[in-house]
Each structure stands twice: as C-alpha cells, then as structure tokens.
Amino acid sequence: MSLFGGPELQEFADKLAAQIAQRLPPSPGVAPPPPKLERVLQHVALSALVFRRANKLNVVKQVRLSRAFQEKLSALGYDEDFIKAATLRLAQSFAAQ
C-alpha cells in the first residue's frame, strides 16, 4: 500500500459496505431495530480493527477509507443518519488500540 493508499482501501470499503448491505439491507424511511443496528455497527468496528492491524493506516489513508466507505453506503441507498453512525464506528475503531 502506498503512502496515500491504494486499491486496497477502495476494495475494503466496498467489501465492508457489501457485508453491511447483506446483514441490514437499506430501507429508506424505516429505522432498523436497535439490536440489529448495534450488531451491524459492531461488525463494522471489528472488521476495521482487523484491517487496521493488517495494514498501516496513516491519517490520510483513514480519511480516504472513510470517504470511500461513505460513498459506497450512499450509492447503496442508506440514509445519512446510518452513514454517519457507521462511519463514526469505523473512525472509532481506527483510534482503538
């Protein structure tokens, strides 16, 4: 992976968004059940933690990955609140030791 990221970041963002779509398909206007939402967000955090441990992620790469993840979720039809919650969980996992 290069200094500013490479295809690995986009591939991971796409893979993570696809996993979320499989577990919790987008349904505009309908809030997911809180327990299911929490399980999906925990999956985001765990997947990001594993990816971060396998790949050196500087701040630029973290931002690029977050942006690619947001764009993919938006393209899949998720609402802004869900995208923000999922991206926040992703960012929190970057900060975790």
C-alpha atoms as a PDB file:
ATOM      1  CA  MET A   1       0.000   0.000   0.000  1.00  0.00           C
ATOM      2  CA  SER A   2       1.346   3.404  -0.929  1.00  0.00           C
ATOM      3  CA  LEU A   3       1.722   6.405   1.338  1.00  0.00           C
ATOM      4  CA  PHE A   4      -1.685   7.778   0.367  1.00  0.00           C
ATOM      5  CA  GLY A   5      -3.449   4.461  -0.077  1.00  0.00           C
ATOM      6  CA  GLY A   6      -4.099   2.208  -2.979  1.00  0.00           C
ATOM      7  CA  PRO A   7      -6.759  -0.067  -4.334  1.00  0.00           C
ATOM      8  CA  GLU A   8      -6.785  -1.936  -1.014  1.00  0.00           C
ATOM      9  CA  LEU A   9      -8.661   0.939   0.631  1.00  0.00           C
ATOM     10  CA  GLN A  10     -11.388   1.004  -2.006  1.00  0.00           C
ATOM     11  CA  GLU A  11     -11.635  -2.792  -2.004  1.00  0.00           C
ATOM     12  CA  PHE A  12     -12.040  -2.890   1.763  1.00  0.00           C
ATOM     13  CA  ALA A  13     -14.641  -0.079   1.719  1.00  0.00           C
ATOM     14  CA  ASP A  14     -16.602  -1.922  -0.981  1.00  0.00           C
ATOM     15  CA  LYS A  15     -16.357  -5.236   0.850  1.00  0.00           C
ATOM     16  CA  LEU A  16     -17.430  -3.742   4.170  1.00  0.00           C
ATOM     17  CA  ALA A  17     -20.383  -1.906   2.610  1.00  0.00           C
ATOM     18  CA  ALA A  18     -21.472  -5.102   0.812  1.00  0.00           C
ATOM     19  CA  GLN A  19     -21.331  -7.034   4.092  1.00  0.00           C
ATOM     20  CA  ILE A  20     -23.470  -4.378   5.748  1.00  0.00           C
ATOM     21  CA  ALA A  21     -25.979  -4.469   2.879  1.00  0.00           C
ATOM     22  CA  GLN A  22     -26.226  -8.226   3.249  1.00  0.00           C
ATOM     23  CA  ARG A  23     -26.790  -8.037   7.014  1.00  0.00           C
ATOM     24  CA  LEU A  24     -29.010  -4.956   7.012  1.00  0.00           C
ATOM     25  CA  PRO A  25     -30.373  -4.013   3.583  1.00  0.00           C
ATOM     26  CA  PRO A  26     -31.112  -0.305   3.112  1.00  0.00           C
ATOM     27  CA  SER A  27     -34.724   0.633   3.768  1.00  0.00           C
ATOM     28  CA  PRO A  28     -35.226   4.390   3.411  1.00  0.00           C
ATOM     29  CA  GLY A  29     -37.593   5.839   5.961  1.00  0.00           C
ATOM     30  CA  VAL A  30     -37.597   2.727   8.139  1.00  0.00           C
ATOM     31  CA  ALA A  31     -35.315   2.655  11.171  1.00  0.00           C
ATOM     32  CA  PRO A  32     -33.637  -0.710  11.753  1.00  0.00           C
ATOM     33  CA  PRO A  33     -34.276  -2.452  15.075  1.00  0.00           C
ATOM     34  CA  PRO A  34     -31.707  -1.133  17.606  1.00  0.00           C
ATOM     35  CA  PRO A  35     -30.254  -4.572  18.477  1.00  0.00           C
ATOM     36  CA  LYS A  36     -29.699  -5.414  14.813  1.00  0.00           C
ATOM     37  CA  LEU A  37     -28.222  -1.977  14.135  1.00  0.00           C
ATOM     38  CA  GLU A  38     -25.805  -2.410  17.037  1.00  0.00           C
ATOM     39  CA  ARG A  39     -24.694  -5.829  15.756  1.00  0.00           C
ATOM     40  CA  VAL A  40     -24.033  -4.380  12.311  1.00  0.00           C
ATOM     41  CA  LEU A  41     -22.070  -1.453  13.771  1.00  0.00           C
ATOM     42  CA  GLN A  42     -20.045  -3.867  15.916  1.00  0.00           C
ATOM     43  CA  HIS A  43     -19.229  -5.786  12.743  1.00  0.00           C
ATOM     44  CA  VAL A  44     -18.006  -2.537  11.143  1.00  0.00           C
ATOM     45  CA  ALA A  45     -15.757  -1.848  14.126  1.00  0.00           C
ATOM     46  CA  LEU A  46     -14.332  -5.368  14.257  1.00  0.00           C
ATOM     47  CA  SER A  47     -13.684  -5.542  10.517  1.00  0.00           C
ATOM     48  CA  ALA A  48     -11.968  -2.147  10.562  1.00  0.00           C
ATOM     49  CA  LEU A  49      -9.828  -3.146  13.531  1.00  0.00           C
ATOM     50  CA  VAL A  50      -8.668  -6.299  11.750  1.00  0.00           C
ATOM     51  CA  PHE A  51      -7.944  -4.320   8.573  1.00  0.00           C
ATOM     52  CA  ARG A  52      -6.054  -1.666  10.508  1.00  0.00           C
ATOM     53  CA  ARG A  53      -3.877  -4.273  12.214  1.00  0.00           C
ATOM     54  CA  ALA A  54      -3.044  -5.869   8.857  1.00  0.00           C
ATOM     55  CA  ASN A  55      -2.358  -2.557   7.108  1.00  0.00           C
ATOM     56  CA  LYS A  56      -0.520   0.554   8.208  1.00  0.00           C
ATOM     57  CA  LEU A  57      -3.107   3.328   8.131  1.00  0.00           C
ATOM     58  CA  ASN A  58      -1.888   6.876   8.499  1.00  0.00           C
ATOM     59  CA  VAL A  59      -4.381   9.735   8.852  1.00  0.00           C
ATOM     60  CA  VAL A  60      -4.637  10.284   5.095  1.00  0.00           C
ATOM     61  CA  LYS A  61      -5.462   6.627   4.487  1.00  0.00           C
ATOM     62  CA  GLN A  62      -8.032   6.654   7.279  1.00  0.00           C
ATOM     63  CA  VAL A  63      -9.759   9.654   5.716  1.00  0.00           C
ATOM     64  CA  ARG A  64      -9.680   8.123   2.225  1.00  0.00           C
ATOM     65  CA  LEU A  65     -11.085   4.855   3.540  1.00  0.00           C
ATOM     66  CA  SER A  66     -13.827   6.657   5.471  1.00  0.00           C
ATOM     67  CA  ARG A  67     -14.773   8.699   2.404  1.00  0.00           C
ATOM     68  CA  ALA A  68     -14.860   5.630   0.133  1.00  0.00           C
ATOM     69  CA  PHE A  69     -16.993   3.815   2.724  1.00  0.00           C
ATOM     70  CA  GLN A  70     -19.440   6.752   2.938  1.00  0.00           C
ATOM     71  CA  GLU A  71     -19.725   6.972  -0.832  1.00  0.00           C
ATOM     72  CA  LYS A  72     -20.390   3.254  -1.183  1.00  0.00           C
ATOM     73  CA  LEU A  73     -23.072   3.265   1.532  1.00  0.00           C
ATOM     74  CA  SER A  74     -24.705   6.272  -0.108  1.00  0.00           C
ATOM     75  CA  ALA A  75     -24.660   4.542  -3.505  1.00  0.00           C
ATOM     76  CA  LEU A  76     -26.341   1.515  -1.917  1.00  0.00           C
ATOM     77  CA  GLY A  77     -29.196   3.731  -0.709  1.00  0.00           C
ATOM     78  CA  TYR A  78     -28.542   4.148   3.014  1.00  0.00           C
ATOM     79  CA  ASP A  79     -29.802   7.308   4.675  1.00  0.00           C
ATOM     80  CA  GLU A  80     -27.486   9.987   6.017  1.00  0.00           C
ATOM     81  CA  ASP A  81     -28.017   9.074   9.695  1.00  0.00           C
ATOM     82  CA  PHE A  82     -26.994   5.468   9.115  1.00  0.00           C
ATOM     83  CA  ILE A  83     -23.974   6.524   7.066  1.00  0.00           C
ATOM     84  CA  LYS A  84     -22.844   8.880   9.833  1.00  0.00           C
ATOM     85  CA  ALA A  85     -23.279   6.203  12.522  1.00  0.00           C
ATOM     86  CA  ALA A  86     -21.399   3.569  10.516  1.00  0.00           C
ATOM     87  CA  THR A  87     -18.582   5.976   9.615  1.00  0.00           C
ATOM     88  CA  LEU A  88     -18.270   7.108  13.225  1.00  0.00           C
ATOM     89  CA  ARG A  89     -17.898   3.496  14.324  1.00  0.00           C
ATOM     90  CA  LEU A  90     -15.275   2.992  11.617  1.00  0.00           C
ATOM     91  CA  ALA A  91     -13.343   6.045  12.828  1.00  0.00           C
ATOM     92  CA  GLN A  92     -13.574   4.931  16.450  1.00  0.00           C
ATOM     93  CA  SER A  93     -12.051   1.601  15.539  1.00  0.00           C
ATOM     94  CA  PHE A  94      -9.076   3.431  13.989  1.00  0.00           C
ATOM     95  CA  ALA A  95      -8.493   5.168  17.318  1.00  0.00           C
ATOM     96  CA  ALA A  96      -8.755   1.922  19.320  1.00  0.00           C
ATOM     97  CA  GLN A  97      -5.526   0.357  20.427  1.00  0.00           C
END
